[in-house]
Amino acid sequence: TKASFELLANEKSINFIGNVEARDILSGVADV
């Protein structure tokens, strides 16, 4: 996940907002 975070954070084609915890995924914290 640390290596994935770095790649996602440097990817200009997406709107990466960072890490998301499992308890928050049903609350609309992210679209993907």
All heavy atoms as atom14 arrays in JSON, in Angstrom:
{
  "sequence": "TKASFELLANEKSINFIGNVEARDILSGVADV",
  "atom14_mask": [
    [1, 1, 1, 1, 1, 1, 1, 0, 0, 0, 0, 0, 0, 0],
    [1, 1, 1, 1, 1, 1, 1, 1, 1, 0, 0, 0, 0, 0],
    [1, 1, 1, 1, 1, 0, 0, 0, 0, 0, 0, 0, 0, 0],
    [1, 1, 1, 1, 1, 1, 0, 0, 0, 0, 0, 0, 0, 0],
    [1, 1, 1, 1, 1, 1, 1, 1, 1, 1, 1, 0, 0, 0],
    [1, 1, 1, 1, 1, 1, 1, 1, 1, 0, 0, 0, 0, 0],
    [1, 1, 1, 1, 1, 1, 1, 1, 0, 0, 0, 0, 0, 0],
    [1, 1, 1, 1, 1, 1, 1, 1, 0, 0, 0, 0, 0, 0],
    [1, 1, 1, 1, 1, 0, 0, 0, 0, 0, 0, 0, 0, 0],
    [1, 1, 1, 1, 1, 1, 1, 1, 0, 0, 0, 0, 0, 0],
    [1, 1, 1, 1, 1, 1, 1, 1, 1, 0, 0, 0, 0, 0],
    [1, 1, 1, 1, 1, 1, 1, 1, 1, 0, 0, 0, 0, 0],
    [1, 1, 1, 1, 1, 1, 0, 0, 0, 0, 0, 0, 0, 0],
    [1, 1, 1, 1, 1, 1, 1, 1, 0, 0, 0, 0, 0, 0],
    [1, 1, 1, 1, 1, 1, 1, 1, 0, 0, 0, 0, 0, 0],
    [1, 1, 1, 1, 1, 1, 1, 1, 1, 1, 1, 0, 0, 0],
    [1, 1, 1, 1, 1, 1, 1, 1, 0, 0, 0, 0, 0, 0],
    [1, 1, 1, 1, 0, 0, 0, 0, 0, 0, 0, 0, 0, 0],
    [1, 1, 1, 1, 1, 1, 1, 1, 0, 0, 0, 0, 0, 0],
    [1, 1, 1, 1, 1, 1, 1, 0, 0, 0, 0, 0, 0, 0],
    [1, 1, 1, 1, 1, 1, 1, 1, 1, 0, 0, 0, 0, 0],
    [1, 1, 1, 1, 1, 0, 0, 0, 0, 0, 0, 0, 0, 0],
    [1, 1, 1, 1, 1, 1, 1, 1, 1, 1, 1, 0, 0, 0],
    [1, 1, 1, 1, 1, 1, 1, 1, 0, 0, 0, 0, 0, 0],
    [1, 1, 1, 1, 1, 1, 1, 1, 0, 0, 0, 0, 0, 0],
    [1, 1, 1, 1, 1, 1, 1, 1, 0, 0, 0, 0, 0, 0],
    [1, 1, 1, 1, 1, 1, 0, 0, 0, 0, 0, 0, 0, 0],
    [1, 1, 1, 1, 0, 0, 0, 0, 0, 0, 0, 0, 0, 0],
    [1, 1, 1, 1, 1, 1, 1, 0, 0, 0, 0, 0, 0, 0],
    [1, 1, 1, 1, 1, 0, 0, 0, 0, 0, 0, 0, 0, 0],
    [1, 1, 1, 1, 1, 1, 1, 1, 0, 0, 0, 0, 0, 0],
    [1, 1, 1, 1, 1, 1, 1, 0, 0, 0, 0, 0, 0, 0]
  ],
  "atom14_positions": [
    [[0.81, -1.21, 0.0], [0.0, 0.0, 0.0], [0.85, 1.27, 0.0], [0.48, 2.27, -0.61], [-0.96, 0.02, 1.2], [-0.22, -0.17, 2.42], [-2.0, -1.07, 1.08], [0.0, 0.0, 0.0], [0.0, 0.0, 0.0], [0.0, 0.0, 0.0], [0.0, 0.0, 0.0], [0.0, 0.0, 0.0], [0.0, 0.0, 0.0], [0.0, 0.0, 0.0]],
    [[2.0, 1.23, 0.65], [2.89, 2.4, 0.63], [3.4, 2.69, -0.78], [3.42, 3.84, -1.23], [4.06, 2.19, 1.58], [3.68, 2.24, 3.06], [4.9, 1.94, 3.93], [4.51, 1.91, 5.41], [5.67, 1.56, 6.27], [0.0, 0.0, 0.0], [0.0, 0.0, 0.0], [0.0, 0.0, 0.0], [0.0, 0.0, 0.0], [0.0, 0.0, 0.0]],
    [[3.81, 1.63, -1.47], [4.3, 1.8, -2.84], [3.16, 2.21, -3.77], [3.34, 3.04, -4.68], [4.95, 0.51, -3.32], [0.0, 0.0, 0.0], [0.0, 0.0, 0.0], [0.0, 0.0, 0.0], [0.0, 0.0, 0.0], [0.0, 0.0, 0.0], [0.0, 0.0, 0.0], [0.0, 0.0, 0.0], [0.0, 0.0, 0.0], [0.0, 0.0, 0.0]],
    [[1.98, 1.65, -3.55], [0.81, 2.0, -4.36], [0.42, 3.46, -4.13], [0.07, 4.17, -5.09], [-0.37, 1.1, -4.01], [-0.06, -0.26, -4.25], [0.0, 0.0, 0.0], [0.0, 0.0, 0.0], [0.0, 0.0, 0.0], [0.0, 0.0, 0.0], [0.0, 0.0, 0.0], [0.0, 0.0, 0.0], [0.0, 0.0, 0.0], [0.0, 0.0, 0.0]],
    [[0.51, 3.91, -2.88], [0.19, 5.3, -2.55], [1.08, 6.25, -3.36], [0.59, 7.23, -3.93], [0.4, 5.54, -1.05], [0.0, 6.92, -0.59], [-1.21, 7.11, 0.05], [0.82, 8.03, -0.8], [-1.59, 8.39, 0.49], [0.45, 9.29, -0.38], [-0.76, 9.47, 0.26], [0.0, 0.0, 0.0], [0.0, 0.0, 0.0], [0.0, 0.0, 0.0]],
    [[2.36, 5.95, -3.41], [3.3, 6.82, -4.13], [2.96, 6.9, -5.61], [2.97, 7.99, -6.2], [4.73, 6.32, -3.93], [5.78, 7.23, -4.56], [7.2, 6.76, -4.29], [7.37, 5.8, -3.51], [8.13, 7.37, -4.83], [0.0, 0.0, 0.0], [0.0, 0.0, 0.0], [0.0, 0.0, 0.0], [0.0, 0.0, 0.0], [0.0, 0.0, 0.0]],
    [[2.65, 5.76, -6.22], [2.31, 5.74, -7.64], [1.01, 6.51, -7.9], [0.93, 7.29, -8.85], [2.17, 4.3, -8.14], [3.44, 3.47, -8.23], [3.11, 2.04, -8.68], [4.44, 4.11, -9.18], [0.0, 0.0, 0.0], [0.0, 0.0, 0.0], [0.0, 0.0, 0.0], [0.0, 0.0, 0.0], [0.0, 0.0, 0.0], [0.0, 0.0, 0.0]],
    [[0.0, 6.28, -7.08], [-1.28, 6.96, -7.26], [-1.15, 8.47, -7.04], [-1.74, 9.26, -7.78], [-2.31, 6.38, -6.28], [-2.8, 4.95, -6.57], [-3.46, 4.35, -5.34], [-3.75, 4.94, -7.75], [0.0, 0.0, 0.0], [0.0, 0.0, 0.0], [0.0, 0.0, 0.0], [0.0, 0.0, 0.0], [0.0, 0.0, 0.0], [0.0, 0.0, 0.0]],
    [[-0.35, 8.86, -6.06], [-0.17, 10.29, -5.77], [0.53, 11.02, -6.9], [0.32, 12.23, -7.1], [0.62, 10.44, -4.47], [0.0, 0.0, 0.0], [0.0, 0.0, 0.0], [0.0, 0.0, 0.0], [0.0, 0.0, 0.0], [0.0, 0.0, 0.0], [0.0, 0.0, 0.0], [0.0, 0.0, 0.0], [0.0, 0.0, 0.0], [0.0, 0.0, 0.0]],
    [[1.37, 10.32, -7.66], [2.1, 10.93, -8.76], [1.41, 10.79, -10.11], [1.95, 11.23, -11.13], [3.51, 10.32, -8.85], [4.38, 10.72, -7.67], [4.33, 11.86, -7.2], [5.17, 9.79, -7.16], [0.0, 0.0, 0.0], [0.0, 0.0, 0.0], [0.0, 0.0, 0.0], [0.0, 0.0, 0.0], [0.0, 0.0, 0.0], [0.0, 0.0, 0.0]],
    [[0.23, 10.16, -10.12], [-0.51, 9.95, -11.37], [-1.38, 11.17, -11.67], [-2.35, 11.47, -10.97], [-1.38, 8.69, -11.26], [-2.24, 8.42, -12.46], [-1.45, 8.32, -13.76], [-0.42, 7.62, -13.79], [-1.87, 8.97, -14.75], [0.0, 0.0, 0.0], [0.0, 0.0, 0.0], [0.0, 0.0, 0.0], [0.0, 0.0, 0.0], [0.0, 0.0, 0.0]],
    [[-1.03, 11.91, -12.73], [-1.7, 13.16, -13.04], [-3.09, 12.99, -13.66], [-3.88, 13.93, -13.69], [-0.83, 13.99, -13.98], [0.49, 14.43, -13.35], [1.33, 15.24, -14.33], [2.65, 15.67, -13.67], [3.5, 16.43, -14.62], [0.0, 0.0, 0.0], [0.0, 0.0, 0.0], [0.0, 0.0, 0.0], [0.0, 0.0, 0.0], [0.0, 0.0, 0.0]],
    [[-3.39, 11.76, -14.16], [-4.67, 11.57, -14.86], [-5.83, 11.31, -13.91], [-6.98, 11.22, -14.35], [-4.55, 10.4, -15.85], [-4.45, 9.16, -15.18], [0.0, 0.0, 0.0], [0.0, 0.0, 0.0], [0.0, 0.0, 0.0], [0.0, 0.0, 0.0], [0.0, 0.0, 0.0], [0.0, 0.0, 0.0], [0.0, 0.0, 0.0], [0.0, 0.0, 0.0]],
    [[-5.56, 11.17, -12.6], [-6.63, 10.88, -11.64], [-6.6, 11.89, -10.49], [-5.6, 12.55, -10.24], [-6.53, 9.45, -11.07], [-5.23, 9.27, -10.27], [-6.65, 8.42, -12.17], [-5.13, 7.94, -9.56], [0.0, 0.0, 0.0], [0.0, 0.0, 0.0], [0.0, 0.0, 0.0], [0.0, 0.0, 0.0], [0.0, 0.0, 0.0], [0.0, 0.0, 0.0]],
    [[-7.71, 11.97, -9.78], [-7.85, 12.85, -8.62], [-7.69, 12.0, -7.37], [-8.67, 11.59, -6.74], [-9.23, 13.53, -8.66], [-9.49, 14.38, -7.43], [-8.57, 14.79, -6.72], [-10.76, 14.65, -7.17], [0.0, 0.0, 0.0], [0.0, 0.0, 0.0], [0.0, 0.0, 0.0], [0.0, 0.0, 0.0], [0.0, 0.0, 0.0], [0.0, 0.0, 0.0]],
    [[-6.44, 11.75, -7.0], [-6.16, 10.88, -5.86], [-6.26, 11.67, -4.56], [-5.62, 12.71, -4.4], [-4.77, 10.27, -5.99], [-4.38, 9.35, -4.87], [-5.15, 8.23, -4.58], [-3.26, 9.59, -4.1], [-4.81, 7.38, -3.54], [-2.89, 8.74, -3.06], [-3.68, 7.63, -2.78], [0.0, 0.0, 0.0], [0.0, 0.0, 0.0], [0.0, 0.0, 0.0]],
    [[-7.07, 11.17, -3.6], [-7.31, 11.9, -2.36], [-6.6, 11.26, -1.16], [-6.73, 11.75, -0.03], [-8.81, 12.02, -2.06], [-9.44, 10.63, -1.89], [-9.52, 12.81, -3.15], [-10.85, 10.66, -1.33], [0.0, 0.0, 0.0], [0.0, 0.0, 0.0], [0.0, 0.0, 0.0], [0.0, 0.0, 0.0], [0.0, 0.0, 0.0], [0.0, 0.0, 0.0]],
    [[-5.86, 10.15, -1.39], [-5.11, 9.55, -0.3], [-5.73, 8.26, 0.22], [-6.56, 7.63, -0.44], [0.0, 0.0, 0.0], [0.0, 0.0, 0.0], [0.0, 0.0, 0.0], [0.0, 0.0, 0.0], [0.0, 0.0, 0.0], [0.0, 0.0, 0.0], [0.0, 0.0, 0.0], [0.0, 0.0, 0.0], [0.0, 0.0, 0.0], [0.0, 0.0, 0.0]],
    [[-5.31, 7.86, 1.41], [-5.78, 6.63, 2.02], [-7.2, 6.77, 2.56], [-7.61, 7.83, 3.02], [-4.86, 6.21, 3.17], [-3.5, 5.75, 2.67], [-3.4, 5.11, 1.63], [-2.45, 6.05, 3.42], [0.0, 0.0, 0.0], [0.0, 0.0, 0.0], [0.0, 0.0, 0.0], [0.0, 0.0, 0.0], [0.0, 0.0, 0.0], [0.0, 0.0, 0.0]],
    [[-7.92, 5.65, 2.52], [-9.28, 5.59, 3.03], [-9.4, 4.36, 3.93], [-8.95, 3.27, 3.55], [-10.31, 5.48, 1.88], [-11.71, 5.22, 2.41], [-10.28, 6.74, 1.02], [0.0, 0.0, 0.0], [0.0, 0.0, 0.0], [0.0, 0.0, 0.0], [0.0, 0.0, 0.0], [0.0, 0.0, 0.0], [0.0, 0.0, 0.0], [0.0, 0.0, 0.0]],
    [[-9.99, 4.53, 5.11], [-10.17, 3.4, 6.01], [-11.46, 2.65, 5.69], [-12.43, 3.24, 5.21], [-10.2, 3.88, 7.46], [-8.87, 4.45, 7.92], [-8.86, 4.73, 9.41], [-8.91, 3.75, 10.18], [-8.81, 5.91, 9.79], [0.0, 0.0, 0.0], [0.0, 0.0, 0.0], [0.0, 0.0, 0.0], [0.0, 0.0, 0.0], [0.0, 0.0, 0.0]],
    [[-11.47, 1.35, 5.99], [-12.61, 0.49, 5.66], [-13.9, 0.98, 6.29], [-14.98, 0.87, 5.7], [-12.32, -0.94, 6.08], [0.0, 0.0, 0.0], [0.0, 0.0, 0.0], [0.0, 0.0, 0.0], [0.0, 0.0, 0.0], [0.0, 0.0, 0.0], [0.0, 0.0, 0.0], [0.0, 0.0, 0.0], [0.0, 0.0, 0.0], [0.0, 0.0, 0.0]],
    [[-13.81, 1.56, 7.49], [-15.02, 2.01, 8.18], [-15.7, 3.17, 7.48], [-16.87, 3.48, 7.75], [-14.68, 2.41, 9.62], [-13.8, 3.64, 9.71], [-13.42, 3.95, 11.14], [-12.58, 5.14, 11.23], [-12.03, 5.58, 12.36], [-12.23, 4.9, 13.48], [-11.27, 6.66, 12.35], [0.0, 0.0, 0.0], [0.0, 0.0, 0.0], [0.0, 0.0, 0.0]],
    [[-14.98, 3.86, 6.58], [-15.52, 5.06, 5.93], [-16.0, 4.83, 4.5], [-16.57, 5.74, 3.9], [-14.44, 6.15, 5.9], [-14.02, 6.6, 7.29], [-14.9, 6.65, 8.17], [-12.83, 6.89, 7.48], [0.0, 0.0, 0.0], [0.0, 0.0, 0.0], [0.0, 0.0, 0.0], [0.0, 0.0, 0.0], [0.0, 0.0, 0.0], [0.0, 0.0, 0.0]],
    [[-15.81, 3.63, 3.96], [-16.04, 3.47, 2.52], [-17.51, 3.6, 2.13], [-17.82, 3.97, 0.99], [-15.46, 2.14, 1.98], [-16.13, 0.93, 2.63], [-13.95, 2.1, 2.15], [-15.65, -0.39, 2.05], [0.0, 0.0, 0.0], [0.0, 0.0, 0.0], [0.0, 0.0, 0.0], [0.0, 0.0, 0.0], [0.0, 0.0, 0.0], [0.0, 0.0, 0.0]],
    [[-18.44, 3.33, 3.06], [-19.86, 3.44, 2.74], [-20.42, 4.83, 3.03], [-21.62, 5.07, 2.85], [-20.67, 2.4, 3.5], [-20.34, 0.93, 3.22], [-21.24, 0.01, 4.05], [-20.48, 0.6, 1.75], [0.0, 0.0, 0.0], [0.0, 0.0, 0.0], [0.0, 0.0, 0.0], [0.0, 0.0, 0.0], [0.0, 0.0, 0.0], [0.0, 0.0, 0.0]],
    [[-19.57, 5.74, 3.45], [-20.03, 7.08, 3.83], [-19.82, 8.11, 2.72], [-20.04, 9.3, 2.94], [-19.32, 7.55, 5.1], [-17.92, 7.69, 4.87], [0.0, 0.0, 0.0], [0.0, 0.0, 0.0], [0.0, 0.0, 0.0], [0.0, 0.0, 0.0], [0.0, 0.0, 0.0], [0.0, 0.0, 0.0], [0.0, 0.0, 0.0], [0.0, 0.0, 0.0]],
    [[-19.39, 7.66, 1.54], [-19.23, 8.58, 0.42], [-17.93, 9.35, 0.44], [-17.82, 10.4, -0.19], [0.0, 0.0, 0.0], [0.0, 0.0, 0.0], [0.0, 0.0, 0.0], [0.0, 0.0, 0.0], [0.0, 0.0, 0.0], [0.0, 0.0, 0.0], [0.0, 0.0, 0.0], [0.0, 0.0, 0.0], [0.0, 0.0, 0.0], [0.0, 0.0, 0.0]],
    [[-16.92, 8.82, 1.12], [-15.64, 9.52, 1.24], [-14.88, 9.57, -0.08], [-14.05, 10.46, -0.3], [-14.77, 8.86, 2.32], [-14.32, 7.47, 1.91], [-13.58, 9.74, 2.69], [0.0, 0.0, 0.0], [0.0, 0.0, 0.0], [0.0, 0.0, 0.0], [0.0, 0.0, 0.0], [0.0, 0.0, 0.0], [0.0, 0.0, 0.0], [0.0, 0.0, 0.0]],
    [[-15.18, 8.63, -1.02], [-14.52, 8.61, -2.32], [-15.48, 8.06, -3.36], [-16.44, 7.36, -3.04], [-13.25, 7.76, -2.26], [0.0, 0.0, 0.0], [0.0, 0.0, 0.0], [0.0, 0.0, 0.0], [0.0, 0.0, 0.0], [0.0, 0.0, 0.0], [0.0, 0.0, 0.0], [0.0, 0.0, 0.0], [0.0, 0.0, 0.0], [0.0, 0.0, 0.0]],
    [[-15.22, 8.4, -4.62], [-16.03, 7.89, -5.73], [-15.47, 6.59, -6.28], [-16.19, 5.81, -6.9], [-16.09, 8.93, -6.86], [-16.6, 10.27, -6.37], [-17.71, 10.3, -5.81], [-15.87, 11.28, -6.52], [0.0, 0.0, 0.0], [0.0, 0.0, 0.0], [0.0, 0.0, 0.0], [0.0, 0.0, 0.0], [0.0, 0.0, 0.0], [0.0, 0.0, 0.0]],
    [[-14.18, 6.38, -6.06], [-13.48, 5.16, -6.48], [-12.59, 4.73, -5.32], [-11.89, 5.57, -4.74], [-12.61, 5.4, -7.73], [-11.7, 4.22, -8.01], [-13.48, 5.71, -8.95], [0.0, 0.0, 0.0], [0.0, 0.0, 0.0], [0.0, 0.0, 0.0], [0.0, 0.0, 0.0], [0.0, 0.0, 0.0], [0.0, 0.0, 0.0], [0.0, 0.0, 0.0]]
  ]
}
